Every structure is written in structure tokens, then in C-alpha cells.
Amino acid sequence: MKNLLVASALFAAALLSFSAEARDDVVTLEIKPAVETAKAKEALHDVPFYFAGQSHPEVAQSMGVISTSRKTNAFGKSDREACEWVLLSALKVLQENARENGYDAVINIKSNYNHNEFASAEEFQCGAGFLMAGVALKGEVVKFK
């Protein structure tokens, strides 16, 4: 009985310390360093993408706005490392959608983490936690003239 009480107390202490570690911070990071890495060159497709505020060729046709929300394991990684990786994953989904539907690019990409829109030509937002990191993006899939 004593062993059961000790085990229960240890389990409760572990749960309390774990919940104290839990976090869900929204961090804002630069886009450029993430998309210029060797990982990005391997992971991303040749479909161009443009964040909100970035200039792009004239649009001939729009398929409309699509969105994606991706998560990745953040355990043992810095917020930057986890967030940059999951950004690439989210961008790849947008690129694949454009490619599969015969469109040229994705434009006006905005962060949309927890449905809070954030538009920037230079930065994106990521939810960074103890175990997971997430990026939500939405962008317009288009054909250029």
C-alpha cells in the first residue's frame, strides 16, 4: 500500500511538472532564412509562392483561396528550427495544390494560426509549444498572364 501511495505521488508530481512545461506561444519569425536553406531546396517544389505584400506577375485566373494547417514534433528543437521546418511543410501543401490543379503559383500568403490572420512580406507566425509546433497558412492559387 505504501508503494502505491509513493507511486501515485510521483505520478502526480510528474503530471504537474509536465503541465508547467506546456506552452503555446505564437512566435513571429523571418521567412527568408527558412526558405533559403538546403532543407527548403530539397523539400519545396518549383511552384513559386509570394507572401502578402510581395510583388508578383499579373494574375490571369484565380482558383481561389486555400488554407493549410500543419504540425510537427518540437521536442528537443528550438522554436526557430521547429517553426521553419513546419513552415516548409505548409508551403509544400500550398504548392502541391497549385500544381495538382494546373495553376502557376500561390500568392498573397498569410499566416492564419488559430484563425488569427497575420499578413507580412517578411515574417510568418508559428505556434510553438513544448511538444509541437504549428503553422497555418492561406493563399490564393493563380495562373499568371
Foldseek 3Di string as FASTA:
>chain_A
DVVVVVVVVVVVVVVVVVVVQWDWDKDKDWLVVLCPDPVNVVLADPQAEFAAPDDDAAFDDWPFKDKDKFKDWCAPHDLVVRQSVQVSVRNRVVRVVLVVVVFRHWYHKWWQVVHDTHGDRTIHIWTDTNTMIMTMIMTITTHHD
